[in-house]
C-alpha atoms as a PDB file:
ATOM      1  CA  MET A   1      85.498 104.873 -15.285  1.00  0.00           C
ATOM      2  CA  GLN A   2      86.381 102.404 -12.539  1.00  0.00           C
ATOM      3  CA  THR A   3      84.151 102.005  -9.528  1.00  0.00           C
ATOM      4  CA  ASP A   4      85.078 100.865  -6.063  1.00  0.00           C
ATOM      5  CA  ALA A   5      83.587  97.385  -6.226  1.00  0.00           C
ATOM      6  CA  ARG A   6      83.902  97.047  -2.432  1.00  0.00           C
ATOM      7  CA  GLN A   7      81.008  99.494  -2.151  1.00  0.00           C
ATOM      8  CA  LEU A   8      78.716  97.246  -4.211  1.00  0.00           C
ATOM      9  CA  SER A   9      76.434  94.605  -2.778  1.00  0.00           C
ATOM     10  CA  PRO A  10      77.838  91.057  -2.761  1.00  0.00           C
ATOM     11  CA  GLU A  11      75.398  90.117  -5.548  1.00  0.00           C
ATOM     12  CA  ALA A  12      76.539  93.047  -7.718  1.00  0.00           C
ATOM     13  CA  GLN A  13      80.157  92.038  -7.110  1.00  0.00           C
ATOM     14  CA  ARG A  14      79.391  88.456  -8.177  1.00  0.00           C
ATOM     15  CA  GLU A  15      77.646  89.750 -11.307  1.00  0.00           C
ATOM     16  CA  LYS A  16      80.743  91.773 -12.278  1.00  0.00           C
ATOM     17  CA  ARG A  17      82.925  88.692 -11.820  1.00  0.00           C
ATOM     18  CA  ARG A  18      80.430  86.523 -13.736  1.00  0.00           C
ATOM     19  CA  ILE A  19      80.425  88.922 -16.720  1.00  0.00           C
ATOM     20  CA  ALA A  20      84.207  89.330 -16.652  1.00  0.00           C
ATOM     21  CA  LEU A  21      84.890  85.600 -16.558  1.00  0.00           C
ATOM     22  CA  ARG A  22      82.356  84.919 -19.294  1.00  0.00           C
ATOM     23  CA  MET A  23      84.141  87.492 -21.467  1.00  0.00           C
ATOM     24  CA  TRP A  24      87.495  85.860 -20.637  1.00  0.00           C
ATOM     25  CA  GLU A  25      86.133  82.451 -21.670  1.00  0.00           C
ATOM     26  CA  GLN A  26      84.979  84.027 -24.963  1.00  0.00           C
ATOM     27  CA  GLY A  27      88.524  85.229 -25.653  1.00  0.00           C
ATOM     28  CA  TYR A  28      88.420  88.919 -24.754  1.00  0.00           C
ATOM     29  CA  VAL A  29      91.673  90.476 -23.544  1.00  0.00           C
ATOM     30  CA  GLN A  30      91.994  91.617 -19.938  1.00  0.00           C
ATOM     31  CA  LYS A  31      92.131  95.307 -20.814  1.00  0.00           C
ATOM     32  CA  ASP A  32      88.805  95.139 -22.685  1.00  0.00           C
ATOM     33  CA  ILE A  33      87.195  93.108 -19.902  1.00  0.00           C
ATOM     34  CA  ALA A  34      88.383  95.629 -17.307  1.00  0.00           C
ATOM     35  CA  GLU A  35      86.855  98.503 -19.258  1.00  0.00           C
ATOM     36  CA  ALA A  36      83.586  96.622 -19.750  1.00  0.00           C
ATOM     37  CA  VAL A  37      83.058  95.874 -16.056  1.00  0.00           C
ATOM     38  CA  ALA A  38      84.727  99.086 -14.800  1.00  0.00           C
ATOM     39  CA  VAL A  39      87.483  97.553 -12.671  1.00  0.00           C
ATOM     40  CA  HIS A  40      91.277  97.645 -12.898  1.00  0.00           C
ATOM     41  CA  ALA A  41      93.004  95.211 -15.249  1.00  0.00           C
ATOM     42  CA  ARG A  42      94.944  93.769 -12.284  1.00  0.00           C
ATOM     43  CA  THR A  43      91.611  92.859 -10.710  1.00  0.00           C
ATOM     44  CA  ILE A  44      90.674  90.939 -13.848  1.00  0.00           C
ATOM     45  CA  ALA A  45      94.044  89.170 -13.727  1.00  0.00           C
ATOM     46  CA  GLU A  46      93.352  88.121 -10.113  1.00  0.00           C
ATOM     47  CA  TRP A  47      89.889  86.820 -11.007  1.00  0.00           C
ATOM     48  CA  ILE A  48      91.335  84.820 -13.899  1.00  0.00           C
ATOM     49  CA  LYS A  49      94.097  83.452 -11.673  1.00  0.00           C
ATOM     50  CA  GLN A  50      91.474  82.365  -9.150  1.00  0.00           C
ATOM     51  CA  ALA A  51      89.327  80.804 -11.886  1.00  0.00           C
ATOM     52  CA  ARG A  52      92.288  78.797 -13.148  1.00  0.00           C
ATOM     53  CA  SER A  53      93.289  77.535  -9.699  1.00  0.00           C
ATOM     54  CA  LYS A  54      89.917  77.080  -7.974  1.00  0.00           C
ATOM     55  CA  GLY A  55      87.429  77.020 -10.823  1.00  0.00           C
ATOM     56  CA  VAL A  56      85.163  79.623 -12.358  1.00  0.00           C
ATOM     57  CA  GLU A  57      82.354  79.181  -9.824  1.00  0.00           C
ATOM     58  CA  ALA A  58      84.739  79.749  -6.910  1.00  0.00           C
ATOM     59  CA  ALA A  59      86.109  82.852  -8.622  1.00  0.00           C
ATOM     60  CA  ILE A  60      82.602  84.193  -9.183  1.00  0.00           C
ATOM     61  CA  GLU A  61      81.687  83.582  -5.553  1.00  0.00           C
ATOM     62  CA  GLY A  62      84.746  85.468  -4.343  1.00  0.00           C
ATOM     63  CA  GLY A  63      86.001  85.288  -0.813  1.00  0.00           C
ATOM     64  CA  ARG A  64      85.802  86.924   2.547  1.00  0.00           C
ATOM     65  CA  ARG A  65      87.855  90.093   2.822  1.00  0.00           C
ATOM     66  CA  GLY A  66      89.769  91.324   5.835  1.00  0.00           C
ATOM     67  CA  ARG A  67      90.975  89.636   8.955  1.00  0.00           C
ATOM     68  CA  LYS A  68      89.438  86.510  10.339  1.00  0.00           C
ATOM     69  CA  THR A  69      87.706  86.750  13.686  1.00  0.00           C
ATOM     70  CA  GLY A  70      90.281  86.372  16.439  1.00  0.00           C
ATOM     71  CA  ASP A  71      93.343  87.303  14.400  1.00  0.00           C
ATOM     72  CA  SER A  72      95.878  89.481  16.205  1.00  0.00           C
ATOM     73  CA  ARG A  73      94.278  89.089  19.618  1.00  0.00           C
ATOM     74  CA  SER A  74      96.455  89.870  22.615  1.00  0.00           C
ATOM     75  CA  LEU A  75      94.520  87.792  25.131  1.00  0.00           C
ATOM     76  CA  THR A  76      93.843  84.090  25.176  1.00  0.00           C
ATOM     77  CA  PRO A  77      90.195  82.989  25.243  1.00  0.00           C
ATOM     78  CA  GLU A  78      90.661  82.068  28.918  1.00  0.00           C
ATOM     79  CA  GLN A  79      91.966  85.556  29.737  1.00  0.00           C
ATOM     80  CA  GLU A  80      89.055  87.158  27.891  1.00  0.00           C
ATOM     81  CA  LEU A  81      86.592  85.050  29.860  1.00  0.00           C
ATOM     82  CA  MET A  82      88.279  85.972  33.151  1.00  0.00           C
ATOM     83  CA  ILE A  83      88.042  89.691  32.344  1.00  0.00           C
ATOM     84  CA  GLN A  84      84.413  89.341  31.327  1.00  0.00           C
ATOM     85  CA  HIS A  85      83.629  87.689  34.658  1.00  0.00           C
ATOM     86  CA  LEU A  86      85.493  90.386  36.560  1.00  0.00           C
ATOM     87  CA  MET A  87      83.565  93.091  34.733  1.00  0.00           C
ATOM     88  CA  VAL A  88      80.183  91.478  35.317  1.00  0.00           C
ATOM     89  CA  ASP A  89      80.704  90.291  38.887  1.00  0.00           C
ATOM     90  CA  LYS A  90      82.180  93.425  40.434  1.00  0.00           C
ATOM     91  CA  MET A  91      81.898  97.180  40.283  1.00  0.00           C
ATOM     92  CA  PRO A  92      84.549  98.991  38.178  1.00  0.00           C
ATOM     93  CA  VAL A  93      85.712 100.981  41.232  1.00  0.00           C
ATOM     94  CA  SER A  94      86.803  97.788  42.987  1.00  0.00           C
ATOM     95  CA  HIS A  95      89.205  97.060  40.109  1.00  0.00           C
ATOM     96  CA  ALA A  96      90.542 100.616  39.918  1.00  0.00           C
ATOM     97  CA  ILE A  97      89.136 100.894  36.390  1.00  0.00           C
ATOM     98  CA  ILE A  98      87.493 104.195  37.299  1.00  0.00           C
ATOM     99  CA  ASN A  99      87.997 106.564  40.208  1.00  0.00           C
END
């Protein structure tokens, strides 16, 4: 049965990758590796792809998931700072934020 590896601690995730990549180096097929570490075979394929391109240690370490801080922001840093100053320096009523 597959588990949602995102719910595991980072160390447990690294251990799954370490075991999987060791099995791959020993010649096991992806399907058997996936069953052994309880992840999808496509996940194993991604780990192997990463190991081939960046090295086994980089694949074991994994990477940061999700958006990077600041991605998809609507305001520039200067605009954010201006709004922060407005919020701190004045009462919300004076900016018509609240009635």
